Amino acid sequence: MAWSTSVIAPPDGSMRDYLASLEKVARRGEAIYWPGHGGPVRDPQRYARALISHRRRREAAILARLEAGEASVAEIVAQVYPGLAPALVAAASLSTLAHLEDLTERGLASSDGAIALAARFRLA
């Protein structure tokens, strides 16, 4: 998408795969991207790096919330996305879940069972 970061929604979307794809395209030499949504991206490497940076900042915010004790996706979203329009809460929840899934796979977080919107999470 040319105007915003994509919603990564497990189980169909993987934050790890999304970030790996961004890293890959950031190393390529194209002068322009023609995304499926939005207009042309004329500085694609900078744009890909900005999306990676955005996701790493979001990951850091989620880890900070786990350190502070928030344990559910809903609790994390309420703190990490202050003032979020109610219509966007579901998308933010799915992207947060994708981050938590990746953090769990990397051994930085754990859950009380299956990784799902209703699960409780903590630092590993």
Protein backbone atom coordinates (compact mmCIF):
# COMPACT_ATOMS: atom_id res chain seq x y z
CA MET A 1 0.00 0.00 0.00
CA ALA A 2 1.29 3.41 -0.86
CA TRP A 3 -0.39 5.40 1.91
CA SER A 4 0.02 3.30 5.04
CA THR A 5 1.39 0.14 6.54
CA SER A 6 -0.53 -3.04 5.81
CA VAL A 7 -2.66 -4.83 8.37
CA ILE A 8 -0.96 -8.13 9.13
CA ALA A 9 -3.68 -10.55 10.23
CA PRO A 10 -2.82 -14.02 11.53
CA PRO A 11 -3.20 -16.79 10.61
CA ASP A 12 -3.07 -15.60 6.99
CA GLY A 13 -0.45 -12.91 7.63
CA SER A 14 2.89 -13.29 9.37
CA MET A 15 4.75 -10.32 10.83
CA ARG A 16 8.02 -12.20 10.37
CA ASP A 17 7.30 -12.78 6.66
CA TYR A 18 6.10 -9.19 6.17
CA LEU A 19 9.29 -7.75 7.68
CA ALA A 20 11.48 -10.17 5.71
CA SER A 21 9.73 -9.05 2.52
CA LEU A 22 10.27 -5.39 3.39
CA GLU A 23 13.96 -6.06 4.11
CA LYS A 24 14.27 -7.79 0.74
CA VAL A 25 12.66 -5.01 -1.28
CA ALA A 26 14.60 -2.34 0.63
CA ARG A 27 17.81 -3.90 -0.76
CA ARG A 28 16.57 -3.94 -4.35
CA GLY A 29 17.27 -1.18 -6.84
CA GLU A 30 13.93 -0.32 -8.41
CA ALA A 31 13.28 3.37 -8.89
CA ILE A 32 9.51 3.11 -8.41
CA TYR A 33 6.98 0.71 -6.89
CA TRP A 34 3.50 0.28 -8.32
CA PRO A 35 1.57 -1.15 -5.35
CA GLY A 36 -1.81 -2.81 -5.56
CA HIS A 37 -3.29 -0.05 -3.41
CA GLY A 38 -2.48 3.63 -3.82
CA GLY A 39 -0.34 5.56 -6.23
CA PRO A 40 3.28 5.04 -7.23
CA VAL A 41 6.02 5.00 -4.58
CA ARG A 42 8.86 7.05 -6.06
CA ASP A 43 11.50 6.44 -3.37
CA PRO A 44 10.79 2.78 -2.64
CA GLN A 45 13.86 1.91 -0.58
CA ARG A 46 13.25 4.81 1.80
CA TYR A 47 9.56 3.90 1.98
CA ALA A 48 10.34 0.24 2.80
CA ARG A 49 12.83 1.32 5.49
CA ALA A 50 10.18 3.65 6.97
CA LEU A 51 7.69 0.77 7.15
CA ILE A 52 10.31 -1.43 8.84
CA SER A 53 11.07 1.35 11.33
CA HIS A 54 7.36 1.80 12.04
CA ARG A 55 6.96 -1.92 12.80
CA ARG A 56 10.07 -2.02 15.01
CA ARG A 57 8.74 0.94 17.01
CA ARG A 58 5.38 -0.80 17.35
CA GLU A 59 7.17 -3.97 18.51
CA ALA A 60 9.09 -1.96 21.13
CA ALA A 61 5.84 -0.40 22.36
CA ILE A 62 4.23 -3.84 22.67
CA LEU A 63 7.23 -5.18 24.60
CA ALA A 64 7.03 -2.15 26.90
CA ARG A 65 3.35 -2.87 27.56
CA LEU A 66 4.16 -6.51 28.37
CA GLU A 67 6.86 -5.29 30.75
CA ALA A 68 4.30 -2.97 32.36
CA GLY A 69 1.94 -5.89 32.85
CA GLU A 70 -0.65 -5.56 30.07
CA ALA A 71 -1.39 -9.08 29.01
CA SER A 72 -4.25 -9.19 26.52
CA VAL A 73 -4.35 -7.90 22.97
CA ALA A 74 -7.19 -5.54 23.96
CA GLU A 75 -5.18 -4.09 26.87
CA ILE A 76 -2.11 -3.62 24.69
CA VAL A 77 -4.08 -1.98 21.86
CA ALA A 78 -5.71 0.44 24.31
CA GLN A 79 -2.28 1.64 25.44
CA VAL A 80 -0.27 1.44 22.20
CA TYR A 81 -2.93 3.08 19.99
CA PRO A 82 -4.28 5.94 22.15
CA GLY A 83 -7.25 7.74 20.63
CA LEU A 84 -7.73 5.11 17.94
CA ALA A 85 -11.03 5.37 16.09
CA PRO A 86 -13.32 2.49 17.15
CA ALA A 87 -13.62 1.34 13.53
CA LEU A 88 -9.86 0.63 13.48
CA VAL A 89 -9.60 -1.36 16.72
CA ALA A 90 -10.10 -4.73 15.01
CA ALA A 91 -7.31 -4.06 12.50
CA ALA A 92 -4.97 -2.81 15.24
CA SER A 93 -5.79 -5.90 17.28
CA LEU A 94 -4.87 -8.22 14.41
CA SER A 95 -1.56 -6.43 13.77
CA THR A 96 -0.80 -6.52 17.49
CA LEU A 97 -1.54 -10.23 17.50
CA ALA A 98 0.84 -10.65 14.54
CA HIS A 99 3.56 -8.89 16.53
CA LEU A 100 2.86 -11.06 19.57
CA GLU A 101 2.98 -14.19 17.42
CA ASP A 102 6.40 -13.13 16.08
CA LEU A 103 7.67 -12.18 19.55
CA THR A 104 6.54 -15.57 20.86
CA GLU A 105 8.25 -17.42 18.00
CA ARG A 106 11.45 -15.49 18.77
CA GLY A 107 11.25 -16.38 22.47
CA LEU A 108 10.66 -12.81 23.67
CA ALA A 109 7.05 -13.33 24.75
CA SER A 110 4.84 -16.24 25.70
CA SER A 111 1.13 -16.89 25.95
CA ASP A 112 -1.17 -18.85 28.23
CA GLY A 113 -2.11 -21.20 25.39
CA ALA A 114 -2.73 -20.93 21.69
CA ILE A 115 -1.80 -17.57 20.20
CA ALA A 116 -5.16 -15.90 19.68
CA LEU A 117 -6.94 -12.61 20.30
CA ALA A 118 -8.30 -13.95 23.60
CA ALA A 119 -4.92 -15.23 24.86
CA ARG A 120 -2.95 -13.59 27.65
CA PHE A 121 0.68 -12.68 26.96
CA ARG A 122 3.75 -11.94 29.04
CA LEU A 123 7.45 -11.42 28.58
CA ALA A 124 9.30 -14.69 28.21
